[in-house]
Amino acid sequence: MAIEHAQTAHRDYTGAKLGMWFFLFTEVLLFGGLFLIYAVYRSTHSGEFHRAAQDLSFVLGTVNTVILLTSSLTVALAISAVKRDERGKTAVLLAATLVLGAAFLVNKYFEWSGHIREGLYPNAPELLSRDHGTILFYGLYYVMTGLHGLHVIAGLALLAAMLAAVLRGTVHGGDFVKLENSGLFWHLVDLIWIYLFPLFYLIT
């Protein structure tokens, strides 16, 4: 009886998806609040924000944008592959996503390191010697890109767990909701960056 029940156990896929969408909504509210704060400060310090943005690397920002957009593609392809029970292809695509996500973090590390060497970090004497708008700009830059970076790390941890599950065979064509939800989270991470990139790197 217990064996039969285990074999026919109900999986609430709809509930799992709704739960993930609710969680993503709370994440949108979190970053939405930060975007609102950014908009207010930018409206009152537009000139200072524009000048401060000139110190950021447009090239690194663009490269990271391409990296994350490509990683969204590989996640989507991985989900399509697992639905067709293509285990090997799913694993390769997830591994590619992990490499791309790691590359994003490496680029961000070098970018932050460069700013820190220049003294452009919170409470640094060099930054405090500049105008109030520049101080606000870099404060928001570190908070928003740092929080986004933490989400990238969390997303990579989820996808690494999904890769392990695919290799073990616990995520497959008949049970892939966990991978779908992980992919939704990763798409949110990418979407947030799509907004962060123009706010900090494309200020006009």
C-alpha atoms as a PDB file:
ATOM      1  CA  MET A   1       0.000   0.000   0.000  1.00  0.00           C
ATOM      2  CA  ALA A   2       2.798   2.380   0.951  1.00  0.00           C
ATOM      3  CA  ILE A   3       4.689   1.491  -2.221  1.00  0.00           C
ATOM      4  CA  GLU A   4       1.630   2.128  -4.371  1.00  0.00           C
ATOM      5  CA  HIS A   5       1.074   5.483  -2.643  1.00  0.00           C
ATOM      6  CA  ALA A   6       4.700   6.490  -3.211  1.00  0.00           C
ATOM      7  CA  GLN A   7       4.442   5.619  -6.873  1.00  0.00           C
ATOM      8  CA  THR A   8       1.271   7.666  -7.344  1.00  0.00           C
ATOM      9  CA  ALA A   9       2.211  10.541  -5.020  1.00  0.00           C
ATOM     10  CA  HIS A  10       0.727  13.805  -6.203  1.00  0.00           C
ATOM     11  CA  ARG A  11       3.155  16.529  -7.164  1.00  0.00           C
ATOM     12  CA  ASP A  12       1.669  19.997  -6.904  1.00  0.00           C
ATOM     13  CA  TYR A  13       3.398  21.537  -9.916  1.00  0.00           C
ATOM     14  CA  THR A  14       0.916  24.405 -10.088  1.00  0.00           C
ATOM     15  CA  GLY A  15       1.451  25.248  -6.442  1.00  0.00           C
ATOM     16  CA  ALA A  16       5.218  25.119  -6.881  1.00  0.00           C
ATOM     17  CA  LYS A  17       5.090  27.469  -9.863  1.00  0.00           C
ATOM     18  CA  LEU A  18       2.728  29.876  -8.095  1.00  0.00           C
ATOM     19  CA  GLY A  19       4.967  29.869  -5.055  1.00  0.00           C
ATOM     20  CA  MET A  20       7.973  30.751  -7.203  1.00  0.00           C
ATOM     21  CA  TRP A  21       6.071  33.534  -8.983  1.00  0.00           C
ATOM     22  CA  PHE A  22       5.067  34.968  -5.604  1.00  0.00           C
ATOM     23  CA  PHE A  23       8.679  34.873  -4.445  1.00  0.00           C
ATOM     24  CA  LEU A  24       9.810  36.579  -7.646  1.00  0.00           C
ATOM     25  CA  PHE A  25       7.183  39.260  -7.068  1.00  0.00           C
ATOM     26  CA  THR A  26       8.716  40.047  -3.663  1.00  0.00           C
ATOM     27  CA  GLU A  27      12.115  40.324  -5.348  1.00  0.00           C
ATOM     28  CA  VAL A  28      10.671  42.766  -7.878  1.00  0.00           C
ATOM     29  CA  LEU A  29       9.305  44.844  -4.997  1.00  0.00           C
ATOM     30  CA  LEU A  30      12.739  44.871  -3.355  1.00  0.00           C
ATOM     31  CA  PHE A  31      14.580  46.083  -6.435  1.00  0.00           C
ATOM     32  CA  GLY A  32      11.662  48.301  -7.414  1.00  0.00           C
ATOM     33  CA  GLY A  33      12.141  50.221  -4.177  1.00  0.00           C
ATOM     34  CA  LEU A  34      15.831  50.669  -4.943  1.00  0.00           C
ATOM     35  CA  PHE A  35      15.045  51.813  -8.491  1.00  0.00           C
ATOM     36  CA  LEU A  36      12.632  54.382  -7.039  1.00  0.00           C
ATOM     37  CA  ILE A  37      15.303  55.695  -4.657  1.00  0.00           C
ATOM     38  CA  TYR A  38      17.729  55.891  -7.571  1.00  0.00           C
ATOM     39  CA  ALA A  39      15.200  57.844  -9.651  1.00  0.00           C
ATOM     40  CA  VAL A  40      14.645  60.376  -6.871  1.00  0.00           C
ATOM     41  CA  TYR A  41      18.349  61.003  -6.287  1.00  0.00           C
ATOM     42  CA  ARG A  42      19.109  61.113  -9.982  1.00  0.00           C
ATOM     43  CA  SER A  43      16.424  63.738 -10.536  1.00  0.00           C
ATOM     44  CA  THR A  44      17.992  65.970  -7.887  1.00  0.00           C
ATOM     45  CA  HIS A  45      21.653  65.295  -8.825  1.00  0.00           C
ATOM     46  CA  SER A  46      21.479  64.599 -12.557  1.00  0.00           C
ATOM     47  CA  GLY A  47      24.734  66.375 -13.439  1.00  0.00           C
ATOM     48  CA  GLU A  48      26.724  64.703 -10.682  1.00  0.00           C
ATOM     49  CA  PHE A  49      25.307  61.267 -11.572  1.00  0.00           C
ATOM     50  CA  HIS A  50      26.260  61.784 -15.206  1.00  0.00           C
ATOM     51  CA  ARG A  51      29.849  62.737 -14.325  1.00  0.00           C
ATOM     52  CA  ALA A  52      30.211  59.885 -11.824  1.00  0.00           C
ATOM     53  CA  ALA A  53      29.048  57.360 -14.421  1.00  0.00           C
ATOM     54  CA  GLN A  54      31.969  58.334 -16.656  1.00  0.00           C
ATOM     55  CA  ASP A  55      34.271  56.467 -14.241  1.00  0.00           C
ATOM     56  CA  LEU A  56      32.475  53.181 -14.849  1.00  0.00           C
ATOM     57  CA  SER A  57      33.652  50.804 -17.562  1.00  0.00           C
ATOM     58  CA  PHE A  58      31.115  50.749 -20.381  1.00  0.00           C
ATOM     59  CA  VAL A  59      33.014  47.838 -21.956  1.00  0.00           C
ATOM     60  CA  LEU A  60      32.807  45.647 -18.841  1.00  0.00           C
ATOM     61  CA  GLY A  61      29.163  46.553 -18.367  1.00  0.00           C
ATOM     62  CA  THR A  62      28.385  45.630 -21.959  1.00  0.00           C
ATOM     63  CA  VAL A  63      30.331  42.361 -21.756  1.00  0.00           C
ATOM     64  CA  ASN A  64      28.465  41.409 -18.578  1.00  0.00           C
ATOM     65  CA  THR A  65      25.163  42.201 -20.256  1.00  0.00           C
ATOM     66  CA  VAL A  66      25.993  39.905 -23.169  1.00  0.00           C
ATOM     67  CA  ILE A  67      27.129  37.203 -20.733  1.00  0.00           C
ATOM     68  CA  LEU A  68      23.884  37.259 -18.757  1.00  0.00           C
ATOM     69  CA  LEU A  69      21.683  37.390 -21.849  1.00  0.00           C
ATOM     70  CA  THR A  70      23.536  34.362 -23.220  1.00  0.00           C
ATOM     71  CA  SER A  71      23.136  32.573 -19.892  1.00  0.00           C
ATOM     72  CA  SER A  72      19.369  33.147 -20.037  1.00  0.00           C
ATOM     73  CA  LEU A  73      19.380  31.465 -23.430  1.00  0.00           C
ATOM     74  CA  THR A  74      21.334  28.446 -22.178  1.00  0.00           C
ATOM     75  CA  VAL A  75      18.947  28.035 -19.216  1.00  0.00           C
ATOM     76  CA  ALA A  76      15.920  28.187 -21.516  1.00  0.00           C
ATOM     77  CA  LEU A  77      17.503  25.612 -23.822  1.00  0.00           C
ATOM     78  CA  ALA A  78      18.324  23.394 -20.821  1.00  0.00           C
ATOM     79  CA  ILE A  79      14.679  23.425 -19.734  1.00  0.00           C
ATOM     80  CA  SER A  80      13.565  22.567 -23.271  1.00  0.00           C
ATOM     81  CA  ALA A  81      16.099  19.735 -23.357  1.00  0.00           C
ATOM     82  CA  VAL A  82      15.029  18.233 -20.035  1.00  0.00           C
ATOM     83  CA  LYS A  83      11.396  18.217 -21.202  1.00  0.00           C
ATOM     84  CA  ARG A  84      12.558  15.999 -24.068  1.00  0.00           C
ATOM     85  CA  ASP A  85      14.498  13.842 -21.592  1.00  0.00           C
ATOM     86  CA  GLU A  86      17.814  14.792 -23.212  1.00  0.00           C
ATOM     87  CA  ARG A  87      19.856  14.371 -20.064  1.00  0.00           C
ATOM     88  CA  GLY A  88      23.291  14.914 -21.567  1.00  0.00           C
ATOM     89  CA  LYS A  89      22.287  18.046 -23.444  1.00  0.00           C
ATOM     90  CA  THR A  90      20.571  19.434 -20.337  1.00  0.00           C
ATOM     91  CA  ALA A  91      23.706  18.899 -18.276  1.00  0.00           C
ATOM     92  CA  VAL A  92      25.938  20.584 -20.869  1.00  0.00           C
ATOM     93  CA  LEU A  93      23.658  23.604 -21.111  1.00  0.00           C
ATOM     94  CA  LEU A  94      23.454  23.973 -17.332  1.00  0.00           C
ATOM     95  CA  ALA A  95      27.235  23.696 -17.088  1.00  0.00           C
ATOM     96  CA  ALA A  96      27.536  26.425 -19.731  1.00  0.00           C
ATOM     97  CA  THR A  97      25.200  28.625 -17.688  1.00  0.00           C
ATOM     98  CA  LEU A  98      27.344  28.101 -14.598  1.00  0.00           C
ATOM     99  CA  VAL A  99      30.471  29.098 -16.526  1.00  0.00           C
ATOM    100  CA  LEU A 100      28.772  32.225 -17.851  1.00  0.00           C
ATOM    101  CA  GLY A 101      27.512  33.181 -14.404  1.00  0.00           C
ATOM    102  CA  ALA A 102      30.994  32.718 -12.950  1.00  0.00           C
ATOM    103  CA  ALA A 103      32.435  34.861 -15.752  1.00  0.00           C
ATOM    104  CA  PHE A 104      29.984  37.628 -14.827  1.00  0.00           C
ATOM    105  CA  LEU A 105      31.167  37.541 -11.215  1.00  0.00           C
ATOM    106  CA  VAL A 106      34.835  37.553 -12.241  1.00  0.00           C
ATOM    107  CA  ASN A 107      34.264  40.630 -14.410  1.00  0.00           C
ATOM    108  CA  LYS A 108      32.407  42.329 -11.580  1.00  0.00           C
ATOM    109  CA  TYR A 109      35.261  41.490  -9.202  1.00  0.00           C
ATOM    110  CA  PHE A 110      37.810  43.173 -11.466  1.00  0.00           C
ATOM    111  CA  GLU A 111      35.514  46.162 -11.930  1.00  0.00           C
ATOM    112  CA  TRP A 112      34.953  46.641  -8.211  1.00  0.00           C
ATOM    113  CA  SER A 113      38.649  46.104  -7.503  1.00  0.00           C
ATOM    114  CA  GLY A 114      39.537  48.888  -9.921  1.00  0.00           C
ATOM    115  CA  HIS A 115      37.144  51.326  -8.235  1.00  0.00           C
ATOM    116  CA  ILE A 116      38.424  50.373  -4.795  1.00  0.00           C
ATOM    117  CA  ARG A 117      42.035  50.993  -5.872  1.00  0.00           C
ATOM    118  CA  GLU A 118      40.941  54.433  -7.076  1.00  0.00           C
ATOM    119  CA  GLY A 119      39.392  55.156  -3.688  1.00  0.00           C
ATOM    120  CA  LEU A 120      35.838  55.121  -5.051  1.00  0.00           C
ATOM    121  CA  TYR A 121      34.064  53.118  -2.385  1.00  0.00           C
ATOM    122  CA  PRO A 122      31.797  54.052   0.561  1.00  0.00           C
ATOM    123  CA  ASN A 123      33.497  56.205   3.229  1.00  0.00           C
ATOM    124  CA  ALA A 124      36.781  56.325   1.291  1.00  0.00           C
ATOM    125  CA  PRO A 125      38.540  59.706   1.705  1.00  0.00           C
ATOM    126  CA  GLU A 126      38.792  60.091  -2.073  1.00  0.00           C
ATOM    127  CA  LEU A 127      35.069  59.570  -2.552  1.00  0.00           C
ATOM    128  CA  LEU A 128      34.130  61.764   0.418  1.00  0.00           C
ATOM    129  CA  SER A 129      36.140  64.604  -1.108  1.00  0.00           C
ATOM    130  CA  ARG A 130      33.802  64.659  -4.106  1.00  0.00           C
ATOM    131  CA  ASP A 131      30.365  66.231  -4.453  1.00  0.00           C
ATOM    132  CA  HIS A 132      27.299  64.857  -2.701  1.00  0.00           C
ATOM    133  CA  GLY A 133      25.767  63.520  -5.923  1.00  0.00           C
ATOM    134  CA  THR A 134      28.835  61.407  -6.676  1.00  0.00           C
ATOM    135  CA  ILE A 135      28.792  59.983  -3.149  1.00  0.00           C
ATOM    136  CA  LEU A 136      25.135  59.054  -3.576  1.00  0.00           C
ATOM    137  CA  PHE A 137      25.805  57.557  -7.006  1.00  0.00           C
ATOM    138  CA  TYR A 138      28.516  55.222  -5.740  1.00  0.00           C
ATOM    139  CA  GLY A 139      26.527  54.336  -2.647  1.00  0.00           C
ATOM    140  CA  LEU A 140      23.651  53.193  -4.848  1.00  0.00           C
ATOM    141  CA  TYR A 141      26.058  51.544  -7.294  1.00  0.00           C
ATOM    142  CA  TYR A 142      27.600  49.315  -4.628  1.00  0.00           C
ATOM    143  CA  VAL A 143      24.304  48.515  -2.905  1.00  0.00           C
ATOM    144  CA  MET A 144      22.368  47.683  -6.070  1.00  0.00           C
ATOM    145  CA  THR A 145      25.087  45.848  -7.996  1.00  0.00           C
ATOM    146  CA  GLY A 146      26.221  44.129  -4.796  1.00  0.00           C
ATOM    147  CA  LEU A 147      22.706  42.901  -4.039  1.00  0.00           C
ATOM    148  CA  HIS A 148      22.400  41.776  -7.643  1.00  0.00           C
ATOM    149  CA  GLY A 149      25.728  39.944  -7.312  1.00  0.00           C
ATOM    150  CA  LEU A 150      24.389  38.072  -4.275  1.00  0.00           C
ATOM    151  CA  HIS A 151      21.407  37.022  -6.372  1.00  0.00           C
ATOM    152  CA  VAL A 152      23.787  35.791  -9.081  1.00  0.00           C
ATOM    153  CA  ILE A 153      25.587  33.665  -6.479  1.00  0.00           C
ATOM    154  CA  ALA A 154      22.265  32.295  -5.210  1.00  0.00           C
ATOM    155  CA  GLY A 155      21.196  31.548  -8.779  1.00  0.00           C
ATOM    156  CA  LEU A 156      24.434  29.723  -9.480  1.00  0.00           C
ATOM    157  CA  ALA A 157      23.968  27.634  -6.335  1.00  0.00           C
ATOM    158  CA  LEU A 158      20.456  26.681  -7.472  1.00  0.00           C
ATOM    159  CA  LEU A 159      21.597  25.797 -10.971  1.00  0.00           C
ATOM    160  CA  ALA A 160      24.542  23.785  -9.640  1.00  0.00           C
ATOM    161  CA  ALA A 161      22.085  21.803  -7.504  1.00  0.00           C
ATOM    162  CA  MET A 162      19.908  21.290 -10.584  1.00  0.00           C
ATOM    163  CA  LEU A 163      22.896  20.069 -12.589  1.00  0.00           C
ATOM    164  CA  ALA A 164      23.657  17.536  -9.866  1.00  0.00           C
ATOM    165  CA  ALA A 165      19.997  16.468  -9.847  1.00  0.00           C
ATOM    166  CA  VAL A 166      20.003  16.027 -13.629  1.00  0.00           C
ATOM    167  CA  LEU A 167      23.141  13.889 -13.433  1.00  0.00           C
ATOM    168  CA  ARG A 168      21.565  11.786 -10.668  1.00  0.00           C
ATOM    169  CA  GLY A 169      18.397  11.413 -12.702  1.00  0.00           C
ATOM    170  CA  THR A 170      16.083  13.001 -10.118  1.00  0.00           C
ATOM    171  CA  VAL A 171      15.288  15.855 -12.516  1.00  0.00           C
ATOM    172  CA  HIS A 172      14.069  14.501 -15.847  1.00  0.00           C
ATOM    173  CA  GLY A 173      11.335  14.781 -18.446  1.00  0.00           C
ATOM    174  CA  GLY A 174       8.680  13.612 -15.996  1.00  0.00           C
ATOM    175  CA  ASP A 175       9.713  15.834 -13.106  1.00  0.00           C
ATOM    176  CA  PHE A 176      11.392  19.112 -14.006  1.00  0.00           C
ATOM    177  CA  VAL A 177       9.503  21.781 -12.035  1.00  0.00           C
ATOM    178  CA  LYS A 178      12.523  22.462  -9.805  1.00  0.00           C
ATOM    179  CA  LEU A 179      14.643  23.218 -12.843  1.00  0.00           C
ATOM    180  CA  GLU A 180      11.882  25.410 -14.283  1.00  0.00           C
ATOM    181  CA  ASN A 181      11.669  27.397 -11.056  1.00  0.00           C
ATOM    182  CA  SER A 182      15.437  27.743 -10.882  1.00  0.00           C
ATOM    183  CA  GLY A 183      15.370  28.981 -14.465  1.00  0.00           C
ATOM    184  CA  LEU A 184      12.710  31.562 -13.578  1.00  0.00           C
ATOM    185  CA  PHE A 185      14.919  32.873 -10.790  1.00  0.00           C
ATOM    186  CA  TRP A 186      17.871  33.091 -13.164  1.00  0.00           C
ATOM    187  CA  HIS A 187      15.788  34.987 -15.708  1.00  0.00           C
ATOM    188  CA  LEU A 188      14.863  37.474 -12.964  1.00  0.00           C
ATOM    189  CA  VAL A 189      18.547  37.955 -12.154  1.00  0.00           C
ATOM    190  CA  ASP A 190      19.192  38.712 -15.820  1.00  0.00           C
ATOM    191  CA  LEU A 191      16.191  41.037 -16.055  1.00  0.00           C
ATOM    192  CA  ILE A 192      17.361  43.068 -13.065  1.00  0.00           C
ATOM    193  CA  TRP A 193      20.751  43.542 -14.717  1.00  0.00           C
ATOM    194  CA  ILE A 194      19.035  44.743 -17.900  1.00  0.00           C
ATOM    195  CA  TYR A 195      17.704  47.624 -15.792  1.00  0.00           C
ATOM    196  CA  LEU A 196      20.913  48.191 -13.812  1.00  0.00           C
ATOM    197  CA  PHE A 197      23.073  48.433 -16.927  1.00  0.00           C
ATOM    198  CA  PRO A 198      21.475  51.578 -18.420  1.00  0.00           C
ATOM    199  CA  LEU A 199      20.948  53.187 -15.009  1.00  0.00           C
ATOM    200  CA  PHE A 200      24.659  53.126 -14.179  1.00  0.00           C
ATOM    201  CA  TYR A 201      26.511  52.727 -17.473  1.00  0.00           C
ATOM    202  CA  LEU A 202      24.369  54.596 -20.002  1.00  0.00           C
ATOM    203  CA  ILE A 203      23.518  57.804 -18.128  1.00  0.00           C
ATOM    204  CA  THR A 204      23.100  60.730 -20.496  1.00  0.00           C
END
